[in-house]
Protein backbone atom coordinates (compact mmCIF):
# COMPACT_ATOMS: atom_id res chain seq x y z
CA UNK A 1 0.00 0.00 0.00
CA UNK A 2 1.19 3.52 -0.79
CA UNK A 3 -0.92 5.47 1.68
CA UNK A 4 1.00 7.13 4.49
CA UNK A 5 2.14 10.43 5.90
CA UNK A 6 4.57 12.98 4.51
CA UNK A 7 7.58 11.22 6.01
CA UNK A 8 6.73 7.74 4.69
CA UNK A 9 9.22 5.89 2.50
CA UNK A 10 7.61 6.34 -0.97
CA UNK A 11 7.17 10.08 -0.42
CA UNK A 12 10.67 10.49 0.97
CA UNK A 13 12.24 8.64 -1.96
CA UNK A 14 10.24 10.63 -4.50
CA UNK A 15 11.37 13.88 -2.83
CA UNK A 16 15.02 12.76 -2.93
CA UNK A 17 14.75 11.81 -6.59
CA UNK A 18 13.02 15.11 -7.40
CA UNK A 19 15.90 16.96 -5.78
CA UNK A 20 18.53 15.03 -7.73
CA UNK A 21 16.95 15.46 -11.14
CA UNK A 22 15.97 19.10 -10.61
CA UNK A 23 19.55 19.92 -9.62
CA UNK A 24 20.51 18.53 -13.02
CA UNK A 25 17.71 20.45 -14.76
CA UNK A 26 18.72 23.72 -13.11
CA UNK A 27 22.33 23.15 -14.17
CA UNK A 28 21.69 22.36 -17.84
CA UNK A 29 18.95 24.99 -18.30
CA UNK A 30 21.56 27.71 -17.72
CA UNK A 31 24.41 25.90 -19.50
CA UNK A 32 22.44 24.78 -22.56
CA UNK A 33 22.49 28.17 -24.35
CA UNK A 34 26.14 28.73 -23.38
CA UNK A 35 27.03 25.25 -24.70
CA UNK A 36 25.22 25.81 -27.99
CA UNK A 37 26.76 29.27 -28.40
CA UNK A 38 30.21 27.77 -27.78
CA UNK A 39 29.52 25.25 -30.54
CA UNK A 40 28.83 28.12 -32.93
CA UNK A 41 25.02 28.13 -32.94
CA UNK A 42 22.73 31.13 -32.40
CA UNK A 43 19.41 32.10 -30.81
CA UNK A 44 17.34 30.28 -33.43
CA UNK A 45 19.16 27.00 -32.76
CA UNK A 46 18.87 27.46 -28.98
CA UNK A 47 15.12 27.91 -29.39
CA UNK A 48 14.84 24.91 -31.70
CA UNK A 49 16.68 22.58 -29.29
CA UNK A 50 14.50 23.78 -26.40
CA UNK A 51 11.39 23.15 -28.49
CA UNK A 52 12.49 19.62 -29.39
CA UNK A 53 13.27 18.86 -25.74
CA UNK A 54 9.81 19.96 -24.64
CA UNK A 55 8.15 18.13 -27.56
CA UNK A 56 9.94 14.92 -26.64
CA UNK A 57 8.81 15.28 -23.03
CA UNK A 58 5.22 15.71 -24.20
CA UNK A 59 5.28 12.57 -26.34
CA UNK A 60 6.83 10.49 -23.56
CA UNK A 61 4.35 11.84 -21.03
CA UNK A 62 1.52 10.82 -23.36
CA UNK A 63 2.99 7.32 -23.43
CA UNK A 64 3.06 7.29 -19.63
CA UNK A 65 -0.61 8.24 -19.56
CA UNK A 66 -1.45 5.23 -21.74
CA UNK A 67 0.94 2.76 -20.11
CA UNK A 68 0.26 3.94 -16.55
CA UNK A 69 -2.95 1.92 -16.44
CA UNK A 70 -1.09 -1.33 -17.11
CA UNK A 71 2.50 -0.97 -15.90
CA UNK A 72 3.94 -0.44 -12.44
CA UNK A 73 4.78 3.30 -12.12
CA UNK A 74 7.99 2.31 -10.31
CA UNK A 75 9.18 0.47 -13.43
CA UNK A 76 8.41 3.50 -15.59
CA UNK A 77 10.36 5.74 -13.23
CA UNK A 78 13.35 3.39 -13.41
CA UNK A 79 13.23 3.49 -17.21
CA UNK A 80 13.00 7.28 -17.14
CA UNK A 81 16.07 7.48 -14.87
CA UNK A 82 17.98 5.30 -17.33
CA UNK A 83 16.97 7.64 -20.14
CA UNK A 84 18.21 10.60 -18.08
CA UNK A 85 21.64 8.98 -17.85
CA UNK A 86 21.70 8.30 -21.58
CA UNK A 87 20.68 11.91 -22.30
CA UNK A 88 23.57 13.34 -20.29
CA UNK A 89 26.08 11.03 -21.97
CA UNK A 90 24.68 11.90 -25.38
CA UNK A 91 25.01 15.65 -24.88
CA UNK A 92 28.53 15.20 -23.51
CA UNK A 93 29.76 13.63 -26.76
CA UNK A 94 27.52 15.30 -29.38
CA UNK A 95 28.83 18.18 -31.46
CA UNK A 96 26.66 18.45 -34.59
CA UNK A 97 23.27 20.13 -34.50
CA UNK A 98 21.39 17.12 -35.85
CA UNK A 99 22.78 14.84 -33.13
CA UNK A 100 22.03 17.40 -30.41
CA UNK A 101 18.50 17.93 -31.72
CA UNK A 102 17.82 14.17 -31.81
CA UNK A 103 19.06 13.68 -28.23
CA UNK A 104 16.94 16.63 -27.09
CA UNK A 105 13.87 15.05 -28.73
CA UNK A 106 14.23 11.54 -27.27
CA UNK A 107 15.97 12.41 -24.00
CA UNK A 108 15.11 14.11 -20.72
CA UNK A 109 17.07 17.39 -21.03
CA UNK A 110 14.80 20.11 -19.64
CA UNK A 111 15.37 23.70 -20.85
CA UNK A 112 12.85 25.17 -18.43
CA UNK A 113 14.26 23.97 -15.08
CA UNK A 114 10.68 23.22 -14.12
CA UNK A 115 8.82 19.97 -13.72
CA UNK A 116 8.07 19.41 -17.39
CA UNK A 117 9.11 15.82 -17.82
CA UNK A 118 8.14 12.17 -18.03
CA UNK A 119 8.75 11.87 -14.28
CA UNK A 120 6.10 14.36 -13.15
CA UNK A 121 2.78 12.51 -13.75
CA UNK A 122 4.12 9.27 -12.27
CA UNK A 123 5.43 10.97 -9.14
CA UNK A 124 2.29 13.08 -8.74
CA UNK A 125 -0.02 10.06 -8.84
CA UNK A 126 2.16 8.17 -6.33
CA UNK A 127 2.33 11.14 -3.96
CA UNK A 128 -1.45 11.57 -4.06
CA UNK A 129 -1.98 7.89 -3.30
CA UNK A 130 0.32 8.24 -0.28
CA UNK A 131 -1.28 11.42 1.11
CA UNK A 132 -4.64 12.09 2.81
CA UNK A 133 -6.77 14.90 1.31
CA UNK A 134 -6.04 17.26 4.19
CA UNK A 135 -2.28 16.91 3.60
CA UNK A 136 -2.25 16.69 -0.20
CA UNK A 137 -1.51 20.37 -0.99
CA UNK A 138 1.15 20.50 1.75
CA UNK A 139 2.85 17.41 0.31
CA UNK A 140 2.86 18.93 -3.17
CA UNK A 141 4.20 22.17 -1.72
CA UNK A 142 7.08 20.21 -0.17
CA UNK A 143 7.58 18.36 -3.45
CA UNK A 144 7.79 21.68 -5.33
CA UNK A 145 9.98 23.23 -2.61
CA UNK A 146 12.56 20.45 -2.90
CA UNK A 147 12.57 20.70 -6.69
CA UNK A 148 12.93 24.47 -6.78
CA UNK A 149 15.73 24.57 -4.19
CA UNK A 150 17.59 21.82 -6.04
CA UNK A 151 17.15 23.64 -9.35
CA UNK A 152 18.44 26.84 -7.71
CA UNK A 153 21.62 25.12 -6.54
CA UNK A 154 21.93 23.55 -9.99
CA UNK A 155 21.80 27.03 -11.54
CA UNK A 156 24.41 28.23 -9.06
CA UNK A 157 26.64 25.33 -10.09
CA UNK A 158 26.44 26.54 -13.70
CA UNK A 159 29.31 28.87 -12.88
CA UNK A 160 31.63 25.89 -12.25
CA UNK A 161 32.67 25.43 -15.90
CA UNK A 162 34.15 28.94 -15.91
CA UNK A 163 36.16 28.06 -12.80
CA UNK A 164 37.29 24.78 -14.36
CA UNK A 165 38.39 26.61 -17.49
CA UNK A 166 40.84 28.65 -15.36
CA UNK A 167 42.63 25.44 -14.33
CA UNK A 168 43.71 24.70 -17.90
CA UNK A 169 40.71 22.70 -19.07
CA UNK A 170 39.21 23.99 -22.30
CA UNK A 171 35.84 25.73 -22.18
CA UNK A 172 34.23 22.94 -24.21
CA UNK A 173 35.57 20.22 -21.90
CA UNK A 174 34.32 22.15 -18.88
CA UNK A 175 30.84 22.54 -20.38
CA UNK A 176 30.66 18.88 -21.35
CA UNK A 177 31.65 17.82 -17.83
CA UNK A 178 28.35 19.30 -16.62
CA UNK A 179 26.42 16.90 -18.86
CA UNK A 180 28.46 13.99 -17.45
CA UNK A 181 27.33 15.11 -13.99
CA UNK A 182 23.75 15.13 -15.30
CA UNK A 183 24.23 11.51 -16.38
CA UNK A 184 25.49 10.56 -12.90
CA UNK A 185 22.44 12.19 -11.36
CA UNK A 186 20.33 9.90 -13.53
CA UNK A 187 22.11 6.91 -11.99
CA UNK A 188 21.42 8.29 -8.51
CA UNK A 189 17.72 8.69 -9.39
CA UNK A 190 17.62 5.08 -10.59
CA UNK A 191 19.01 3.84 -7.28
CA UNK A 192 16.53 6.00 -5.35
CA UNK A 193 13.48 4.82 -7.29
CA UNK A 194 14.60 1.21 -6.93
CA UNK A 195 13.82 1.38 -3.21
CA UNK A 196 10.12 2.15 -3.82
CA UNK A 197 7.98 -0.99 -3.32
CA UNK A 198 6.46 -2.55 -6.44
CA UNK A 199 2.71 -2.03 -6.61
CA UNK A 200 0.80 -5.36 -6.91
CA UNK A 201 -1.05 -5.88 -10.21
CA UNK A 202 -4.48 -6.03 -8.59
CA UNK A 203 -3.83 -2.81 -6.68
CA UNK A 204 -2.44 -1.17 -9.82
CA UNK A 205 -5.58 -1.88 -11.83
CA UNK A 206 -7.71 -0.26 -9.16
CA UNK A 207 -5.56 2.85 -8.90
CA UNK A 208 -4.60 3.55 -12.51
CA UNK A 209 -7.36 3.71 -15.11
CA UNK A 210 -8.02 5.71 -18.28
CA UNK A 211 -10.06 8.88 -18.07
CA UNK A 212 -13.76 8.32 -17.48
CA UNK A 213 -16.17 10.38 -15.36
CA UNK A 214 -13.70 13.25 -14.99
CA UNK A 215 -12.97 13.57 -18.70
CA UNK A 216 -14.86 16.86 -19.16
CA UNK A 217 -13.05 18.63 -16.31
CA UNK A 218 -9.66 17.30 -17.45
CA UNK A 219 -10.21 18.42 -21.05
CA UNK A 220 -11.13 21.96 -19.95
CA UNK A 221 -8.18 22.17 -17.59
CA UNK A 222 -5.82 20.81 -20.25
CA UNK A 223 -7.00 23.42 -22.76
CA UNK A 224 -6.43 26.27 -20.31
CA UNK A 225 -3.10 24.89 -19.11
CA UNK A 226 -1.99 24.76 -22.75
CA UNK A 227 -2.38 28.53 -23.07
CA UNK A 228 -0.34 29.04 -19.92
CA UNK A 229 2.36 26.64 -21.08
CA UNK A 230 2.63 28.11 -24.57
CA UNK A 231 3.17 31.48 -22.92
CA UNK A 232 5.74 29.97 -20.56
CA UNK A 233 7.54 28.39 -23.51
CA UNK A 234 8.21 31.87 -24.86
CA UNK A 235 10.24 32.63 -21.73
CA UNK A 236 11.87 29.34 -20.67
CA UNK A 237 14.91 29.71 -18.46
CA UNK A 238 17.33 28.88 -21.28
CA UNK A 239 15.96 31.79 -23.36
CA UNK A 240 15.87 34.13 -20.37
CA UNK A 241 19.53 33.27 -19.74
CA UNK A 242 20.29 33.96 -23.41
CA UNK A 243 18.54 37.37 -23.12
CA UNK A 244 20.58 38.23 -20.02
CA UNK A 245 23.81 37.19 -21.76
CA UNK A 246 23.09 39.38 -24.78
CA UNK A 247 21.25 42.33 -23.16
CA UNK A 248 23.51 42.89 -20.14
CA UNK A 249 26.58 40.79 -21.01
CA UNK A 250 26.19 38.66 -17.88
CA UNK A 251 28.79 35.93 -17.37
CA UNK A 252 27.87 32.31 -16.69
CA UNK A 253 28.74 32.77 -13.02
CA UNK A 254 26.62 35.92 -12.73
CA UNK A 255 23.66 34.29 -14.50
CA UNK A 256 24.01 31.21 -12.33
CA UNK A 257 23.97 33.35 -9.18
CA UNK A 258 20.87 35.18 -10.38
CA UNK A 259 19.02 31.97 -11.19
CA UNK A 260 20.08 30.54 -7.83
CA UNK A 261 18.36 33.36 -5.93
CA UNK A 262 15.45 33.22 -8.34
CA UNK A 263 15.06 29.52 -7.55
CA UNK A 264 15.35 30.10 -3.80
CA UNK A 265 12.56 32.68 -3.91
CA UNK A 266 10.40 30.31 -5.97
CA UNK A 267 11.10 27.47 -3.55
CA UNK A 268 10.02 29.34 -0.45
CA UNK A 269 6.89 30.56 -2.19
CA UNK A 270 5.53 26.98 -2.25
CA UNK A 271 4.82 26.66 1.51
CA UNK A 272 3.28 30.12 1.33
CA UNK A 273 1.09 28.90 -1.53
CA UNK A 274 -0.12 25.94 0.56
CA UNK A 275 -0.88 28.26 3.50
CA UNK A 276 -2.67 30.73 1.24
CA UNK A 277 -4.68 28.00 -0.48
CA UNK A 278 -5.99 26.88 2.90
CA UNK A 279 -7.46 30.35 3.40
CA UNK A 280 -8.62 31.57 -0.02
CA UNK A 281 -8.77 28.32 -2.03
CA UNK A 282 -6.63 26.65 -4.68
CA UNK A 283 -8.00 28.47 -7.74
CA UNK A 284 -7.81 31.91 -6.12
CA UNK A 285 -4.23 31.25 -5.04
CA UNK A 286 -3.28 30.25 -8.57
CA UNK A 287 -4.79 33.34 -10.18
CA UNK A 288 -4.09 36.12 -7.67
CA UNK A 289 -0.37 35.32 -7.46
CA UNK A 290 0.11 34.64 -11.16
CA UNK A 291 -1.15 37.94 -12.57
CA UNK A 292 1.32 40.16 -10.64
CA UNK A 293 4.19 37.87 -11.67
CA UNK A 294 3.32 38.36 -15.35
CA UNK A 295 3.27 42.13 -14.91
CA UNK A 296 6.74 41.91 -13.34
CA UNK A 297 8.08 39.99 -16.36
CA UNK A 298 6.79 42.61 -18.78
CA UNK A 299 8.26 45.41 -16.67
CA UNK A 300 11.61 43.61 -16.32
CA UNK A 301 12.32 43.32 -20.04
CA UNK A 302 11.47 47.01 -20.49
CA UNK A 303 13.69 48.08 -17.57
CA UNK A 304 16.56 50.45 -18.48
CA UNK A 305 19.21 48.97 -16.19
CA UNK A 306 20.38 45.53 -15.15
CA UNK A 307 19.56 46.29 -11.49
CA UNK A 308 15.91 47.05 -12.26
CA UNK A 309 15.61 44.10 -14.62
CA UNK A 310 17.04 41.57 -12.16
CA UNK A 311 15.05 43.03 -9.26
CA UNK A 312 11.76 42.71 -11.15
CA UNK A 313 12.66 39.21 -12.30
CA UNK A 314 13.38 38.20 -8.71
CA UNK A 315 10.00 39.61 -7.63
CA UNK A 316 8.43 37.61 -10.44
CA UNK A 317 10.21 34.47 -9.20
CA UNK A 318 8.71 34.96 -5.74
CA UNK A 319 5.20 34.85 -7.24
CA UNK A 320 5.23 32.98 -10.54
CA UNK A 321 5.51 29.42 -9.23
CA UNK A 322 2.90 29.57 -6.46
CA UNK A 323 0.42 28.04 -8.87
CA UNK A 324 2.53 24.89 -9.32
CA UNK A 325 1.68 22.90 -6.15
CA UNK A 326 -1.83 24.35 -6.08
CA UNK A 327 -2.48 23.42 -9.71
CA UNK A 328 -1.23 19.87 -9.21
CA UNK A 329 -3.22 19.46 -6.01
CA UNK A 330 -6.36 20.79 -7.70
CA UNK A 331 -6.13 18.35 -10.62
CA UNK A 332 -5.55 15.40 -8.30
CA UNK A 333 -8.49 16.49 -6.09
CA UNK A 334 -11.20 16.97 -8.73
CA UNK A 335 -10.76 13.60 -10.49
CA UNK A 336 -11.48 10.11 -9.17
CA UNK A 337 -8.55 8.26 -7.53
CA UNK A 338 -8.32 5.72 -10.36
CA UNK A 339 -7.98 8.50 -12.95
CA UNK A 340 -5.11 10.35 -11.28
CA UNK A 341 -2.22 9.03 -13.40
CA UNK A 342 -4.21 9.56 -16.61
CA UNK A 343 -5.33 13.03 -15.48
CA UNK A 344 -1.76 14.02 -14.59
CA UNK A 345 -0.54 12.83 -17.98
CA UNK A 346 -3.36 14.24 -20.08
CA UNK A 347 -3.13 17.67 -18.47
CA UNK A 348 0.67 17.57 -18.81
CA UNK A 349 0.80 16.47 -22.46
CA UNK A 350 -1.08 19.44 -24.00
CA UNK A 351 0.92 21.70 -21.69
CA UNK A 352 4.19 20.20 -22.92
CA UNK A 353 3.12 20.31 -26.57
CA UNK A 354 2.06 23.93 -26.25
CA UNK A 355 5.24 24.82 -24.38
CA UNK A 356 7.30 23.08 -27.05
CA UNK A 357 6.14 25.56 -29.69
CA UNK A 358 7.21 28.56 -27.63
CA UNK A 359 11.04 28.42 -27.59
CA UNK A 360 11.42 28.01 -31.35
CA UNK A 361 9.05 30.93 -31.97
CA UNK A 362 10.77 33.04 -29.31
CA UNK A 363 14.23 32.17 -30.64
CA UNK A 364 13.22 33.18 -34.17
CA UNK A 365 11.72 36.46 -32.89
CA UNK A 366 14.89 37.26 -30.92
CA UNK A 367 17.07 36.38 -33.92
CA UNK A 368 14.92 38.73 -36.06
CA UNK A 369 15.88 41.63 -33.81
CA UNK A 370 12.99 41.82 -31.33
CA UNK A 371 14.56 40.52 -28.10
CA UNK A 372 11.86 41.71 -25.68
CA UNK A 373 8.77 40.77 -27.73
CA UNK A 374 8.54 37.07 -26.65
CA UNK A 375 8.62 37.98 -22.97
CA UNK A 376 5.94 40.67 -23.31
CA UNK A 377 3.73 38.26 -25.24
CA UNK A 378 4.33 35.66 -22.51
CA UNK A 379 3.05 38.03 -19.83
CA UNK A 380 -0.05 39.08 -21.79
CA UNK A 381 -1.06 35.49 -22.59
CA UNK A 382 -0.57 34.36 -19.00
CA UNK A 383 -2.85 37.10 -17.68
CA UNK A 384 -5.53 36.05 -20.19
CA UNK A 385 -5.17 32.44 -19.00
CA UNK A 386 -5.55 33.42 -15.35
CA UNK A 387 -8.76 35.33 -15.98
CA UNK A 388 -10.23 32.45 -18.02
CA UNK A 389 -9.30 29.89 -15.34
CA UNK A 390 -10.94 31.94 -12.61
CA UNK A 391 -14.14 32.29 -14.62
CA UNK A 392 -14.37 28.60 -15.56
CA UNK A 393 -13.41 26.86 -12.28
CA UNK A 394 -14.02 29.16 -9.33
CA UNK A 395 -17.17 27.16 -8.42
CA UNK A 396 -15.60 23.66 -8.78
CA UNK A 397 -14.00 23.04 -5.41
CA UNK A 398 -11.81 20.21 -4.09
CA UNK A 399 -13.09 18.10 -1.14
CA UNK A 400 -11.21 20.05 1.55
CA UNK A 401 -12.85 23.34 0.45
CA UNK A 402 -16.44 22.06 0.56
């Protein structure tokens, strides 16, 4: 049985694995544009690789949604960890654009440093099964907190290649060493997931089923989440790092330090989100923190100095991710228990597909000479999404709010 409290073994192992892989995601999200620029590619290629990475995640997540009803989620997590290792090794040895693009498509490299991956729906369903309703949002807040802090330290570690280069190692060798570390983190995730008990077949059939009675709600949520994710794809961390490199000539170490503090602020917003949701509700928390964060993004890219731009981006970081644990908790709460894996996958897949279109479009717009336009469009679309979500779902409440 999976049910337990926040300190039980399945939850603890999932939190450890989330920390390991998000450290790797935070590291490569900052290094990916620097690595591609060092190979001689430009903004359009950075955007294309980010798009392929998100598209690949969407397709694999769709497969998880189909297979989750028949296969043990622990087995799928082990396979995903193996793919993470292969992805890191592939990027460490690849040099041509075609090879890099192919690895991005079929691998687990995440240009957004957020939980957009094959791992997320499996972990979310397992966490929900192990948590009572009253603790569900708090568990997801802890899950998001661990991921965001790990991603922040991963971003901070992105300055290490510059330090390594001063010891006599070439810049390219130093950058590739980061992808070898990413591969090792995949091995560590594999060992962590291996300790989760296998779910018996009979229990698995009862807990993981295709969408049924909750289909209408899931379809509406997926459509709205797609708008939000397309907007987010226009401003993924890899592209934001590229903008900072080109607009203010930030070094890798400076960008890594900024994204570290950005991640720390995001991380500590998750417990606040859980506290706030207990007082004003999940949907209200999602909307009323998201809109100000979008306004901060728009203001940041129009700011005249690096100090104003970074300050506004840090304020955005403190608000923009408060919808993550609340959104996940809401989806898990308004569907039947047996539909949770399918609901997690089928809300994640349109999000990933929509997000996948964003980086390529944003990269092309930046390359055409309009570096701020993708970020402004991101903010406007996100505000429209928030207003539509509030209108459509403010009266559909999870069990703990009834």
